[in-house]
Amino acid sequence: MIELMFELGSEVILVVIEGHDVKFGSTSYGAQMTDISGLKLDYAGVCREFPDLELAGDWQEQACERFKEKIKEMKTENETCEYIIDELEKQGYKAIQKRRGGFRPVNL
């Protein structure tokens, strides 16, 4: 299990990776954890990543499924961790801590 903490302004985001299961939590929602389907996705961002979903009526569901498939293709939790860090940093999030297996967190 790997836990990541990100910062965007005053908001702190928690990402928990357990195998191929990725959960997201936010301090603004009481740190309640949800998978990708529970997040509010940005339409413009989804269209940049997947141009073929621009005219799809169910673009959000298809984007969630593609994310889950991408995660399942990754062999290790570390690979998934690096992917999540890279993708969220592109959106302006700053990685602040990484904790593996319940050990002390490492500042990033």
Protein backbone atom coordinates (compact mmCIF):
# COMPACT_ATOMS: atom_id res chain seq x y z
CA MET A 1 0.00 0.00 0.00
CA ILE A 2 1.25 3.46 -0.93
CA GLU A 3 -0.29 6.70 0.33
CA LEU A 4 0.39 10.00 -1.41
CA MET A 5 -0.47 13.49 -0.23
CA PHE A 6 -0.86 16.39 -2.65
CA GLU A 7 -1.48 20.06 -2.10
CA LEU A 8 -3.46 22.46 -4.28
CA GLY A 9 -3.84 25.83 -2.63
CA SER A 10 -5.15 25.16 0.86
CA GLU A 11 -6.66 21.80 -0.08
CA VAL A 12 -4.89 18.53 0.72
CA ILE A 13 -5.58 15.48 -1.45
CA LEU A 14 -4.90 11.92 -0.29
CA VAL A 15 -4.35 9.12 -2.82
CA VAL A 16 -4.19 5.51 -1.60
CA ILE A 17 -2.86 2.82 -3.94
CA GLU A 18 -3.43 -0.84 -3.03
CA GLY A 19 -2.47 -3.08 -5.93
CA HIS A 20 -4.71 -2.01 -8.81
CA ASP A 21 -7.15 -0.18 -6.53
CA VAL A 22 -6.70 3.61 -6.38
CA LYS A 23 -8.76 5.72 -3.96
CA PHE A 24 -8.88 9.52 -3.71
CA GLY A 25 -9.80 11.71 -0.73
CA SER A 26 -9.91 15.44 -0.08
CA THR A 27 -9.87 17.53 3.07
CA SER A 28 -12.71 19.63 1.68
CA TYR A 29 -14.95 16.52 1.71
CA GLY A 30 -13.85 15.26 5.12
CA ALA A 31 -11.21 12.94 3.59
CA GLN A 32 -13.88 10.45 2.55
CA MET A 33 -12.25 8.06 0.09
CA THR A 34 -13.68 7.25 -3.35
CA ASP A 35 -12.46 5.67 -6.56
CA ILE A 36 -12.13 7.60 -9.82
CA SER A 37 -15.86 7.29 -10.58
CA GLY A 38 -16.68 9.38 -7.48
CA LEU A 39 -14.62 12.36 -8.66
CA LYS A 40 -15.86 15.34 -10.64
CA LEU A 41 -13.80 15.24 -13.83
CA ASP A 42 -13.02 18.29 -15.92
CA TYR A 43 -14.62 17.98 -19.37
CA ALA A 44 -11.86 19.97 -21.11
CA GLY A 45 -9.17 17.85 -19.45
CA VAL A 46 -10.88 14.60 -20.48
CA CYS A 47 -11.21 15.87 -24.06
CA ARG A 48 -7.49 16.76 -24.15
CA GLU A 49 -6.55 13.28 -22.90
CA PHE A 50 -9.17 11.40 -24.96
CA PRO A 51 -10.24 13.46 -28.02
CA ASP A 52 -12.63 10.73 -29.15
CA LEU A 53 -14.82 11.32 -26.05
CA GLU A 54 -15.59 14.93 -26.96
CA LEU A 55 -18.96 14.10 -28.50
CA ALA A 56 -19.78 11.11 -26.30
CA GLY A 57 -22.77 11.51 -24.01
CA ASP A 58 -21.26 9.26 -21.36
CA TRP A 59 -17.76 10.77 -21.52
CA GLN A 60 -17.25 10.66 -17.75
CA GLU A 61 -18.02 6.94 -17.42
CA GLN A 62 -15.80 6.08 -20.39
CA ALA A 63 -12.92 8.18 -18.99
CA CYS A 64 -13.22 6.38 -15.63
CA GLU A 65 -13.11 2.99 -17.34
CA ARG A 66 -10.05 3.98 -19.37
CA PHE A 67 -8.30 5.16 -16.18
CA LYS A 68 -9.05 1.84 -14.47
CA GLU A 69 -7.75 -0.08 -17.50
CA LYS A 70 -4.57 2.01 -17.51
CA ILE A 71 -3.98 1.25 -13.82
CA LYS A 72 -4.55 -2.50 -14.39
CA GLU A 73 -1.85 -2.48 -17.09
CA MET A 74 0.74 -1.29 -14.58
CA LYS A 75 2.81 -4.02 -12.97
CA THR A 76 3.69 -2.48 -9.59
CA GLU A 77 2.32 -0.02 -7.07
CA ASN A 78 5.43 2.12 -7.59
CA GLU A 79 4.69 2.39 -11.31
CA THR A 80 1.12 3.44 -10.50
CA CYS A 81 2.45 5.91 -7.93
CA GLU A 82 4.78 7.58 -10.43
CA TYR A 83 1.95 7.77 -12.99
CA ILE A 84 -0.40 9.44 -10.47
CA ILE A 85 2.30 11.92 -9.39
CA ASP A 86 3.10 12.85 -13.01
CA GLU A 87 -0.56 13.29 -13.97
CA LEU A 88 -1.55 15.35 -10.94
CA GLU A 89 1.52 17.59 -11.16
CA LYS A 90 0.48 18.44 -14.73
CA GLN A 91 -2.79 19.74 -13.23
CA GLY A 92 -1.03 21.95 -10.69
CA TYR A 93 -1.04 19.62 -7.67
CA LYS A 94 2.17 19.49 -5.62
CA ALA A 95 3.23 16.12 -4.18
CA ILE A 96 4.17 16.66 -0.54
CA GLN A 97 4.44 13.19 1.05
CA LYS A 98 4.70 9.53 0.16
CA ARG A 99 4.21 6.69 2.65
CA ARG A 100 4.69 3.03 1.83
CA GLY A 101 3.22 0.19 3.88
CA GLY A 102 2.39 2.30 6.93
CA PHE A 103 5.99 3.39 7.54
CA ARG A 104 6.97 6.98 8.20
CA PRO A 105 6.14 9.34 5.37
CA VAL A 106 8.86 10.70 3.10
CA ASN A 107 8.65 14.35 2.09
CA LEU A 108 8.78 14.81 -1.68
